Amino acid sequence: MIEKILQKFVEEARETGLPLEAIAVGDESKVIFEHHFVPDRPRNIYSHTKSFMSTAAGIAIAEGKLSLEDRPADFFEDKLPSNPSPRLLSIRLKDLLTMSSGFGKGLLMGADRRAGTGMPDYVSYLFSQEVIEEPGTRFHYSTGDSILAGRMVEEAAGMRLSEYLYRRIFAPMEMGFPIWENDPMGHPIGGGGMFLKLTDMMKLGQLYLAGGVWKGQRLVEESWIREATKEQIKTDQDPQNPDIWRCGYGYQFWLSPYPDSYRADGAFGQITTVLPRAGLVVSIQCPETGDFERVKQALHESVLDKL
């Protein structure tokens, strides 16, 4: 049944020229279906990286090294401006993970980083920005929030985010040590720039589907998975152009419009959707060119809504 649905989708994608590089479906322990339209190789998964960073935060919290109530201002006192605002001082890790820091705009997005914005110290740059809203009150998507959260994980863990994730996730899940964009000071970008093959990218969803256990080894606490993937904050909708996939946000995971489902979501269509009721994970990778809205609609109608 599953393979039939997927095979039909692949045929439709090929016939209609859908801008899609690959699709895979798995349960909590194995790959059930995999098809590549282009050679299989590690590619930039963009903001899908955020969900890996969030997982690292969850592990650090379970290890007693970090708390959702911790404040970046306390971790990086030497980088604070001379007269920090009360709002800046009150930002918590929880606010960063829910994209509600209060900065009220997208900071250190990919184009900004390529242009040299924030050079060389991203934390000092973020601390220099005005906090225009009360932290924790309104969702506003910003890679800057993820970067700051990732730096807090590093401080708590006492090592680079890449090493921490390698020791806790990548090595036990046999993912190797991924290529990963670093900031000008050598810190992995907590909000993007990780390169993974499709089925390695999908492993995060499989781990979450399995409640944090991989091949009998607990890697992530089940309580974290429940919290990270439920609605922690509402996401705004454009009434003129409603988006079926914009239906709430957890801790660096988006909620999806299928029963109990959620996803890790990267630019241009690097997406892992977890469907707990179906016991399945669906991952796709897409090129940077092409109409991703077509892919989203086709995936919704022909795959996700049928599984």
Protein backbone atom coordinates (compact mmCIF):
# COMPACT_ATOMS: atom_id res chain seq x y z
CA MET A 1 0.00 0.00 0.00
CA ILE A 2 2.71 2.49 1.04
CA GLU A 3 4.99 1.57 -1.85
CA LYS A 4 2.10 1.83 -4.29
CA ILE A 5 1.29 5.38 -3.11
CA LEU A 6 4.95 6.38 -3.33
CA GLN A 7 5.57 4.78 -6.70
CA LYS A 8 2.56 6.59 -8.13
CA PHE A 9 3.83 9.87 -6.68
CA VAL A 10 7.27 9.31 -8.25
CA GLU A 11 5.68 8.65 -11.65
CA GLU A 12 3.54 11.79 -11.35
CA ALA A 13 6.56 13.83 -10.29
CA ARG A 14 8.51 12.65 -13.30
CA GLU A 15 5.65 13.26 -15.72
CA THR A 16 4.92 16.77 -14.42
CA GLY A 17 8.56 17.81 -13.99
CA LEU A 18 8.14 18.38 -10.26
CA PRO A 19 11.27 20.14 -8.90
CA LEU A 20 12.20 17.28 -6.58
CA GLU A 21 15.59 15.65 -5.98
CA ALA A 22 14.56 12.69 -3.83
CA ILE A 23 11.95 11.20 -1.53
CA ALA A 24 12.24 8.53 1.15
CA VAL A 25 9.83 6.95 3.61
CA GLY A 26 10.79 5.02 6.72
CA ASP A 27 9.46 3.67 9.96
CA GLU A 28 11.32 4.11 13.23
CA SER A 29 14.15 1.74 12.28
CA LYS A 30 14.42 1.24 8.52
CA VAL A 31 13.97 2.79 5.10
CA ILE A 32 10.80 1.46 3.43
CA PHE A 33 10.97 3.40 0.16
CA GLU A 34 13.62 5.57 -1.46
CA HIS A 35 13.81 7.20 -4.87
CA HIS A 36 16.34 9.68 -6.26
CA PHE A 37 15.81 11.87 -9.32
CA VAL A 38 19.42 13.09 -9.10
CA PRO A 39 22.58 11.40 -7.73
CA ASP A 40 22.44 10.81 -3.98
CA ARG A 41 24.94 13.05 -2.22
CA PRO A 42 25.12 15.25 0.89
CA ARG A 43 23.39 18.56 0.24
CA ASN A 44 22.65 21.70 2.19
CA ILE A 45 19.56 21.02 4.31
CA TYR A 46 19.27 24.71 5.32
CA SER A 47 16.92 25.26 8.28
CA HIS A 48 16.30 21.55 8.75
CA THR A 49 19.52 22.02 10.74
CA LYS A 50 17.52 23.91 13.38
CA SER A 51 15.81 20.71 14.50
CA PHE A 52 19.19 19.03 15.04
CA MET A 53 20.30 22.03 17.12
CA SER A 54 17.09 21.83 19.15
CA THR A 55 17.77 18.15 19.76
CA ALA A 56 21.20 19.06 21.13
CA ALA A 57 19.51 21.56 23.46
CA GLY A 58 17.13 18.85 24.65
CA ILE A 59 20.02 16.50 25.38
CA ALA A 60 21.92 19.21 27.28
CA ILE A 61 18.79 19.91 29.34
CA ALA A 62 18.42 16.20 30.15
CA GLU A 63 22.06 16.12 31.24
CA GLY A 64 21.42 19.00 33.64
CA LYS A 65 23.72 21.35 31.74
CA LEU A 66 21.04 23.72 30.49
CA SER A 67 17.51 24.93 31.21
CA LEU A 68 14.77 26.44 29.09
CA GLU A 69 14.79 29.35 31.54
CA ASP A 70 18.50 30.07 31.04
CA ARG A 71 19.26 33.47 29.51
CA PRO A 72 21.87 34.17 26.83
CA ALA A 73 22.70 37.40 28.65
CA ASP A 74 24.01 35.31 31.55
CA PHE A 75 26.07 33.09 29.23
CA PHE A 76 27.71 35.95 27.31
CA GLU A 77 27.94 38.85 29.76
CA ASP A 78 31.16 40.08 28.12
CA LYS A 79 29.30 40.60 24.83
CA LEU A 80 26.43 42.69 26.20
CA PRO A 81 26.21 46.35 25.19
CA SER A 82 27.11 48.90 27.85
CA ASN A 83 23.48 49.69 28.59
CA PRO A 84 21.46 46.52 27.84
CA SER A 85 17.69 46.86 27.78
CA PRO A 86 15.58 44.89 30.27
CA ARG A 87 14.05 43.04 27.32
CA LEU A 88 17.44 41.92 26.03
CA LEU A 89 18.40 40.71 29.50
CA SER A 90 15.13 38.77 29.85
CA ILE A 91 15.38 36.64 26.66
CA ARG A 92 15.37 32.93 27.60
CA LEU A 93 16.47 29.82 25.74
CA LYS A 94 12.78 28.94 25.46
CA ASP A 95 12.10 32.20 23.63
CA LEU A 96 14.91 31.47 21.17
CA LEU A 97 13.69 27.93 20.50
CA THR A 98 10.15 29.21 19.83
CA MET A 99 11.33 32.07 17.57
CA SER A 100 9.95 34.63 19.99
CA SER A 101 13.10 36.45 21.09
CA GLY A 102 11.43 39.82 20.64
CA PHE A 103 13.86 41.11 18.01
CA GLY A 104 10.82 41.11 15.73
CA LYS A 105 12.68 40.52 12.46
CA GLY A 106 14.66 37.88 10.67
CA LEU A 107 18.33 38.17 11.63
CA LEU A 108 21.40 36.42 10.22
CA MET A 109 19.42 34.66 7.51
CA GLY A 110 21.46 33.04 4.74
CA ALA A 111 21.66 36.12 2.52
CA ASP A 112 22.73 38.25 5.49
CA ARG A 113 25.55 35.86 6.38
CA ARG A 114 26.76 35.76 2.77
CA ALA A 115 26.79 39.56 2.72
CA GLY A 116 28.99 39.67 5.82
CA THR A 117 26.34 40.94 8.21
CA GLY A 118 27.33 40.43 11.84
CA MET A 119 31.03 39.94 11.11
CA PRO A 120 32.92 38.66 12.96
CA ASP A 121 30.99 38.05 16.19
CA TYR A 122 27.38 36.96 15.74
CA VAL A 123 26.53 37.03 19.45
CA SER A 124 27.73 40.63 19.84
CA TYR A 125 25.84 41.54 16.68
CA LEU A 126 22.59 40.00 17.98
CA PHE A 127 23.02 41.70 21.34
CA SER A 128 23.37 45.02 19.53
CA GLN A 129 19.90 44.71 17.99
CA GLU A 130 16.88 46.39 19.54
CA VAL A 131 14.43 44.03 21.24
CA ILE A 132 11.20 45.63 20.06
CA GLU A 133 8.72 43.18 21.64
CA GLU A 134 8.40 41.41 24.96
CA PRO A 135 10.30 38.10 24.59
CA GLY A 136 8.10 35.02 24.47
CA THR A 137 4.99 36.79 23.19
CA ARG A 138 5.08 36.61 19.37
CA PHE A 139 6.52 34.25 16.77
CA HIS A 140 8.87 35.81 14.23
CA TYR A 141 11.06 33.43 12.27
CA SER A 142 14.74 34.28 12.61
CA THR A 143 17.89 32.23 12.16
CA GLY A 144 19.51 34.61 14.65
CA ASP A 145 17.39 33.04 17.41
CA SER A 146 18.66 29.58 16.43
CA ILE A 147 22.28 30.73 16.26
CA LEU A 148 22.06 32.21 19.75
CA ALA A 149 20.43 29.04 21.09
CA GLY A 150 23.16 26.94 19.48
CA ARG A 151 25.86 29.04 21.11
CA MET A 152 24.17 28.52 24.49
CA VAL A 153 24.30 24.75 23.93
CA GLU A 154 28.01 25.03 23.17
CA GLU A 155 28.69 26.99 26.35
CA ALA A 156 26.71 24.50 28.41
CA ALA A 157 28.30 21.44 26.80
CA GLY A 158 31.83 22.82 26.82
CA MET A 159 32.42 21.92 23.18
CA ARG A 160 31.44 22.92 19.65
CA LEU A 161 27.87 22.08 18.65
CA SER A 162 29.17 19.79 15.90
CA GLU A 163 31.26 17.74 18.34
CA TYR A 164 28.42 17.53 20.84
CA LEU A 165 25.97 16.31 18.21
CA TYR A 166 28.57 13.92 16.82
CA ARG A 167 29.08 12.31 20.22
CA ARG A 168 25.38 12.21 21.14
CA ILE A 169 23.62 11.69 17.79
CA PHE A 170 25.73 11.41 14.65
CA ALA A 171 28.10 8.65 15.80
CA PRO A 172 25.51 6.32 17.38
CA MET A 173 23.24 6.81 14.35
CA GLU A 174 26.13 6.15 11.93
CA MET A 175 25.80 9.51 10.19
CA GLY A 176 29.48 10.40 10.14
CA PHE A 177 30.65 14.00 10.74
CA PRO A 178 28.67 16.27 8.39
CA ILE A 179 29.98 19.24 6.47
CA TRP A 180 28.50 22.22 8.33
CA GLU A 181 28.70 25.97 7.75
CA ASN A 182 30.56 27.75 10.56
CA ASP A 183 30.36 31.39 11.57
CA PRO A 184 33.42 33.66 11.15
CA MET A 185 34.66 32.58 14.60
CA GLY A 186 34.39 28.86 13.89
CA HIS A 187 31.08 28.04 15.57
CA PRO A 188 28.64 25.80 13.64
CA ILE A 189 25.55 27.71 12.54
CA GLY A 190 22.74 26.56 14.84
CA GLY A 191 20.16 27.59 12.28
CA GLY A 192 21.42 26.16 8.99
CA GLY A 193 24.17 25.03 6.71
CA MET A 194 24.40 21.32 7.53
CA PHE A 195 24.95 18.95 4.60
CA LEU A 196 23.36 15.48 4.72
CA LYS A 197 22.21 12.75 2.37
CA LEU A 198 18.46 12.17 2.29
CA THR A 199 18.29 9.05 4.48
CA ASP A 200 20.72 10.53 7.02
CA MET A 201 18.56 13.64 7.19
CA MET A 202 15.54 11.39 7.70
CA LYS A 203 17.16 9.64 10.69
CA LEU A 204 16.27 12.56 12.95
CA GLY A 205 12.58 11.97 12.19
CA GLN A 206 12.99 8.24 12.75
CA LEU A 207 14.65 8.89 16.11
CA TYR A 208 11.76 11.14 17.15
CA LEU A 209 9.18 8.65 15.89
CA ALA A 210 10.88 6.01 18.06
CA GLY A 211 10.57 8.21 21.13
CA GLY A 212 14.28 8.98 21.24
CA VAL A 213 15.61 5.41 21.09
CA TRP A 214 17.92 4.21 18.29
CA LYS A 215 18.77 0.50 18.04
CA GLY A 216 18.01 0.00 21.71
CA GLN A 217 20.01 3.02 22.89
CA ARG A 218 18.26 6.06 24.33
CA LEU A 219 19.67 9.18 22.68
CA VAL A 220 16.94 11.74 23.48
CA GLU A 221 14.48 11.84 26.36
CA GLU A 222 10.89 11.10 25.34
CA SER A 223 9.68 14.04 27.42
CA TRP A 224 11.79 16.39 25.27
CA ILE A 225 10.36 14.95 22.08
CA ARG A 226 6.82 15.52 23.33
CA GLU A 227 7.54 19.14 24.24
CA ALA A 228 9.64 19.99 21.19
CA THR A 229 7.02 18.75 18.75
CA LYS A 230 3.82 20.17 20.26
CA GLU A 231 2.56 23.70 19.76
CA GLN A 232 4.57 26.03 21.97
CA ILE A 233 3.60 29.17 20.07
CA LYS A 234 1.10 30.12 17.37
CA THR A 235 2.31 31.10 13.91
CA ASP A 236 0.75 33.98 11.99
CA GLN A 237 -1.20 33.29 8.82
CA ASP A 238 -1.42 35.56 5.80
CA PRO A 239 -5.22 35.81 5.29
CA GLN A 240 -4.66 36.66 1.62
CA ASN A 241 -2.43 33.63 1.06
CA PRO A 242 -3.09 30.97 3.71
CA ASP A 243 -0.47 28.23 4.07
CA ILE A 244 -1.73 24.76 5.04
CA TRP A 245 1.64 23.98 6.64
CA ARG A 246 1.74 27.06 8.87
CA CYS A 247 -0.14 25.72 11.88
CA GLY A 248 2.02 26.22 14.95
CA TYR A 249 5.61 25.87 16.12
CA GLY A 250 7.36 23.87 18.83
CA TYR A 251 11.05 24.01 19.72
CA GLN A 252 12.55 24.48 16.23
CA PHE A 253 10.00 22.07 14.76
CA TRP A 254 6.97 23.10 12.72
CA LEU A 255 3.60 21.48 13.29
CA SER A 256 1.98 19.89 10.23
CA PRO A 257 -1.73 19.60 9.33
CA TYR A 258 -1.92 15.82 9.79
CA PRO A 259 -2.89 14.10 13.08
CA ASP A 260 -0.13 14.67 15.71
CA SER A 261 2.38 15.38 12.94
CA TYR A 262 5.34 17.77 12.81
CA ARG A 263 8.34 18.45 10.63
CA ALA A 264 11.90 19.69 10.35
CA ASP A 265 11.81 22.19 7.50
CA GLY A 266 14.63 23.67 5.44
CA ALA A 267 14.56 26.24 2.64
CA PHE A 268 13.56 25.16 -0.87
CA GLY A 269 12.11 21.86 0.39
CA GLN A 270 14.53 19.95 2.64
CA ILE A 271 11.82 18.47 4.80
CA THR A 272 11.29 15.57 7.18
CA THR A 273 7.68 15.04 8.22
CA VAL A 274 6.87 12.69 11.11
CA LEU A 275 3.45 11.02 11.01
CA PRO A 276 3.15 9.29 14.41
CA ARG A 277 -0.30 7.80 13.84
CA ALA A 278 0.86 6.16 10.62
CA GLY A 279 4.18 5.17 12.20
CA LEU A 280 6.02 6.75 9.28
CA VAL A 281 8.55 9.45 8.42
CA VAL A 282 8.60 11.11 4.98
CA SER A 283 11.66 13.06 3.82
CA ILE A 284 12.23 15.03 0.65
CA GLN A 285 15.06 17.08 -0.79
CA CYS A 286 14.52 19.68 -3.49
CA PRO A 287 16.66 21.94 -5.68
CA GLU A 288 17.13 25.63 -4.99
CA THR A 289 15.37 26.44 -8.26
CA GLY A 290 11.78 25.64 -9.16
CA ASP A 291 8.37 26.19 -7.65
CA PHE A 292 8.38 24.48 -4.25
CA GLU A 293 4.68 25.30 -3.77
CA ARG A 294 3.97 22.75 -6.49
CA VAL A 295 5.98 20.14 -4.58
CA LYS A 296 4.22 20.99 -1.32
CA GLN A 297 0.76 20.67 -2.88
CA ALA A 298 1.59 17.41 -4.65
CA LEU A 299 3.18 15.92 -1.54
CA HIS A 300 0.16 16.96 0.54
CA GLU A 301 -2.44 15.61 -1.86
CA SER A 302 -0.69 12.48 -3.13
CA VAL A 303 1.35 11.30 -0.12
CA LEU A 304 1.02 12.91 3.31
CA ASP A 305 -2.77 13.13 3.36
CA LYS A 306 -3.06 9.47 2.28
CA LEU A 307 -0.64 7.73 4.62
